[in-house]
Amino acid sequence: MLNFATVDEYIAQQPSAVQPALHTIRAQMQGLLPGSAETISYAMPTYTLKKRNIVHFAAFKKHIGIFPGGRVCEELAAQYPQYVKAKGTIHLPLDGPFPHPFIDIVVHLRLKHFAETGK
């Protein structure tokens, strides 16, 4: 596993074909999570609030993974089976239109859970 010091470094080390999608997700996360800190955790770009991980994202061969936690994925699985593929993991395929509204839904739900539990 590679170690990255910054999100810029993480994105720069990914295949050039996926970098635009990663930049787009990064900008969207920054807009949805004002006041969050951007860091690398588990070798992935991560956004934190009050030192708690809120959401991670990472590039894979055929998709971008969004990791908002198991509770978010459980709540969205029935309505969005095309994206929720595993416990705690959302897969955004690289070969289709990018689901910006869905990312908004994921992050808003994660923030709701964070507000309720502090986790």
C-alpha atoms as a PDB file:
ATOM      1  CA  MET A   1       0.000   0.000   0.000  1.00  0.00           C
ATOM      2  CA  LEU A   2       1.308   3.437  -0.893  1.00  0.00           C
ATOM      3  CA  ASN A   3       1.447   6.171   1.694  1.00  0.00           C
ATOM      4  CA  PHE A   4       0.301   9.633   0.697  1.00  0.00           C
ATOM      5  CA  ALA A   5       0.906  12.802   2.673  1.00  0.00           C
ATOM      6  CA  THR A   6      -1.839  14.911   1.058  1.00  0.00           C
ATOM      7  CA  VAL A   7      -4.944  14.559  -1.055  1.00  0.00           C
ATOM      8  CA  ASP A   8      -3.127  16.354  -3.885  1.00  0.00           C
ATOM      9  CA  GLU A   9      -0.419  13.691  -3.756  1.00  0.00           C
ATOM     10  CA  TYR A  10      -3.032  10.910  -3.671  1.00  0.00           C
ATOM     11  CA  ILE A  11      -4.817  12.240  -6.757  1.00  0.00           C
ATOM     12  CA  ALA A  12      -1.549  12.856  -8.632  1.00  0.00           C
ATOM     13  CA  GLN A  13      -0.551   9.204  -8.133  1.00  0.00           C
ATOM     14  CA  GLN A  14      -3.781   7.839  -9.633  1.00  0.00           C
ATOM     15  CA  PRO A  15      -4.203   7.023 -13.351  1.00  0.00           C
ATOM     16  CA  SER A  16      -4.735  10.159 -15.410  1.00  0.00           C
ATOM     17  CA  ALA A  17      -8.115   8.902 -16.641  1.00  0.00           C
ATOM     18  CA  VAL A  18      -9.572   8.877 -13.113  1.00  0.00           C
ATOM     19  CA  GLN A  19      -8.006  12.119 -11.844  1.00  0.00           C
ATOM     20  CA  PRO A  20     -10.797  14.420 -13.146  1.00  0.00           C
ATOM     21  CA  ALA A  21     -13.431  12.376 -11.267  1.00  0.00           C
ATOM     22  CA  LEU A  22     -11.328  12.517  -8.094  1.00  0.00           C
ATOM     23  CA  HIS A  23     -10.959  16.292  -8.401  1.00  0.00           C
ATOM     24  CA  THR A  24     -14.724  16.554  -8.886  1.00  0.00           C
ATOM     25  CA  ILE A  25     -15.478  14.454  -5.805  1.00  0.00           C
ATOM     26  CA  ARG A  26     -12.957  16.431  -3.786  1.00  0.00           C
ATOM     27  CA  ALA A  27     -14.565  19.741  -4.745  1.00  0.00           C
ATOM     28  CA  GLN A  28     -18.011  18.353  -4.002  1.00  0.00           C
ATOM     29  CA  MET A  29     -16.908  17.079  -0.578  1.00  0.00           C
ATOM     30  CA  GLN A  30     -15.319  20.429   0.257  1.00  0.00           C
ATOM     31  CA  GLY A  31     -18.576  22.164  -0.648  1.00  0.00           C
ATOM     32  CA  LEU A  32     -20.727  19.738   1.327  1.00  0.00           C
ATOM     33  CA  LEU A  33     -18.471  19.684   4.393  1.00  0.00           C
ATOM     34  CA  PRO A  34     -17.537  23.278   5.226  1.00  0.00           C
ATOM     35  CA  GLY A  35     -15.288  23.427   8.237  1.00  0.00           C
ATOM     36  CA  SER A  36     -14.071  19.878   7.741  1.00  0.00           C
ATOM     37  CA  ALA A  37     -10.418  18.927   7.717  1.00  0.00           C
ATOM     38  CA  GLU A  38      -9.007  17.160   4.696  1.00  0.00           C
ATOM     39  CA  THR A  39      -6.490  14.440   5.463  1.00  0.00           C
ATOM     40  CA  ILE A  40      -5.303  10.992   4.474  1.00  0.00           C
ATOM     41  CA  SER A  41      -6.576   8.106   6.580  1.00  0.00           C
ATOM     42  CA  TYR A  42      -6.372   4.420   5.668  1.00  0.00           C
ATOM     43  CA  ALA A  43      -4.367   5.619   2.616  1.00  0.00           C
ATOM     44  CA  MET A  44      -7.462   7.429   1.276  1.00  0.00           C
ATOM     45  CA  PRO A  45      -8.609  11.046   1.089  1.00  0.00           C
ATOM     46  CA  THR A  46     -10.701  11.623   4.200  1.00  0.00           C
ATOM     47  CA  TYR A  47     -12.853  14.423   5.552  1.00  0.00           C
ATOM     48  CA  THR A  48     -13.125  14.850   9.301  1.00  0.00           C
ATOM     49  CA  LEU A  49     -15.184  16.960  11.681  1.00  0.00           C
ATOM     50  CA  LYS A  50     -14.183  17.326  15.308  1.00  0.00           C
ATOM     51  CA  LYS A  51     -11.405  14.793  14.658  1.00  0.00           C
ATOM     52  CA  ARG A  52     -13.940  12.123  13.560  1.00  0.00           C
ATOM     53  CA  ASN A  53     -13.857  10.549  10.109  1.00  0.00           C
ATOM     54  CA  ILE A  54     -16.932  11.548   8.158  1.00  0.00           C
ATOM     55  CA  VAL A  55     -16.256  10.117   4.704  1.00  0.00           C
ATOM     56  CA  HIS A  56     -13.368   8.638   2.696  1.00  0.00           C
ATOM     57  CA  PHE A  57     -13.028   8.148  -1.041  1.00  0.00           C
ATOM     58  CA  ALA A  58     -10.617   6.139  -3.167  1.00  0.00           C
ATOM     59  CA  ALA A  59      -9.935   5.194  -6.771  1.00  0.00           C
ATOM     60  CA  PHE A  60     -10.155   1.611  -7.937  1.00  0.00           C
ATOM     61  CA  LYS A  61      -9.770  -0.007 -11.339  1.00  0.00           C
ATOM     62  CA  LYS A  62     -13.440   0.234 -12.373  1.00  0.00           C
ATOM     63  CA  HIS A  63     -15.003   2.495  -9.775  1.00  0.00           C
ATOM     64  CA  ILE A  64     -14.509   5.152  -7.160  1.00  0.00           C
ATOM     65  CA  GLY A  65     -15.314   3.991  -3.663  1.00  0.00           C
ATOM     66  CA  ILE A  66     -17.051   6.246  -1.173  1.00  0.00           C
ATOM     67  CA  PHE A  67     -16.869   5.095   2.436  1.00  0.00           C
ATOM     68  CA  PRO A  68     -19.460   6.845   4.640  1.00  0.00           C
ATOM     69  CA  GLY A  69     -19.882   4.019   7.138  1.00  0.00           C
ATOM     70  CA  GLY A  70     -22.147   1.031   7.446  1.00  0.00           C
ATOM     71  CA  ARG A  71     -25.216   2.800   8.779  1.00  0.00           C
ATOM     72  CA  VAL A  72     -25.422   5.144   5.772  1.00  0.00           C
ATOM     73  CA  CYS A  73     -25.018   2.264   3.348  1.00  0.00           C
ATOM     74  CA  GLU A  74     -27.630   0.172   5.143  1.00  0.00           C
ATOM     75  CA  GLU A  75     -30.155   3.002   4.870  1.00  0.00           C
ATOM     76  CA  LEU A  76     -29.458   3.585   1.172  1.00  0.00           C
ATOM     77  CA  ALA A  77     -29.040  -0.012  -0.031  1.00  0.00           C
ATOM     78  CA  ALA A  78     -32.665  -0.718  -0.948  1.00  0.00           C
ATOM     79  CA  GLN A  79     -33.155   2.544  -2.841  1.00  0.00           C
ATOM     80  CA  TYR A  80     -29.731   2.635  -4.545  1.00  0.00           C
ATOM     81  CA  PRO A  81     -28.605  -0.977  -5.101  1.00  0.00           C
ATOM     82  CA  GLN A  82     -26.636   0.081  -8.177  1.00  0.00           C
ATOM     83  CA  TYR A  83     -24.223   1.996  -5.901  1.00  0.00           C
ATOM     84  CA  VAL A  84     -24.289   0.277  -2.497  1.00  0.00           C
ATOM     85  CA  LYS A  85     -22.261  -2.872  -3.078  1.00  0.00           C
ATOM     86  CA  ALA A  86     -20.865  -3.884   0.292  1.00  0.00           C
ATOM     87  CA  LYS A  87     -21.143  -3.040   3.970  1.00  0.00           C
ATOM     88  CA  GLY A  88     -19.964   0.524   4.374  1.00  0.00           C
ATOM     89  CA  THR A  89     -18.973   0.888   0.721  1.00  0.00           C
ATOM     90  CA  ILE A  90     -20.467   2.742  -2.207  1.00  0.00           C
ATOM     91  CA  HIS A  91     -19.205   2.082  -5.737  1.00  0.00           C
ATOM     92  CA  LEU A  92     -19.458   4.838  -8.339  1.00  0.00           C
ATOM     93  CA  PRO A  93     -18.717   3.309 -11.748  1.00  0.00           C
ATOM     94  CA  LEU A  94     -16.196   5.089 -13.924  1.00  0.00           C
ATOM     95  CA  ASP A  95     -17.988   4.199 -17.152  1.00  0.00           C
ATOM     96  CA  GLY A  96     -21.196   6.190 -16.771  1.00  0.00           C
ATOM     97  CA  PRO A  97     -22.582   9.572 -15.812  1.00  0.00           C
ATOM     98  CA  PHE A  98     -21.329  10.774 -12.482  1.00  0.00           C
ATOM     99  CA  PRO A  99     -24.046  10.706  -9.765  1.00  0.00           C
ATOM    100  CA  HIS A 100     -23.489  14.109  -8.119  1.00  0.00           C
ATOM    101  CA  PRO A 101     -26.962  14.216  -6.523  1.00  0.00           C
ATOM    102  CA  PHE A 102     -26.382  10.794  -4.975  1.00  0.00           C
ATOM    103  CA  ILE A 103     -23.113  11.964  -3.400  1.00  0.00           C
ATOM    104  CA  ASP A 104     -25.052  14.873  -1.877  1.00  0.00           C
ATOM    105  CA  ILE A 105     -27.550  12.404  -0.396  1.00  0.00           C
ATOM    106  CA  VAL A 106     -24.757  10.230   1.038  1.00  0.00           C
ATOM    107  CA  VAL A 107     -22.927  13.119   2.681  1.00  0.00           C
ATOM    108  CA  HIS A 108     -26.093  14.731   4.073  1.00  0.00           C
ATOM    109  CA  LEU A 109     -27.167  11.420   5.595  1.00  0.00           C
ATOM    110  CA  ARG A 110     -23.690  10.912   7.075  1.00  0.00           C
ATOM    111  CA  LEU A 111     -23.817  14.414   8.594  1.00  0.00           C
ATOM    112  CA  LYS A 112     -27.242  13.654  10.058  1.00  0.00           C
ATOM    113  CA  HIS A 113     -25.833  10.541  11.741  1.00  0.00           C
ATOM    114  CA  PHE A 114     -22.816  12.493  12.986  1.00  0.00           C
ATOM    115  CA  ALA A 115     -25.085  15.169  14.479  1.00  0.00           C
ATOM    116  CA  GLU A 116     -27.144  12.492  16.242  1.00  0.00           C
ATOM    117  CA  THR A 117     -24.292  10.395  17.612  1.00  0.00           C
ATOM    118  CA  GLY A 118     -21.079  12.418  17.444  1.00  0.00           C
ATOM    119  CA  LYS A 119     -19.568   9.476  15.541  1.00  0.00           C
END
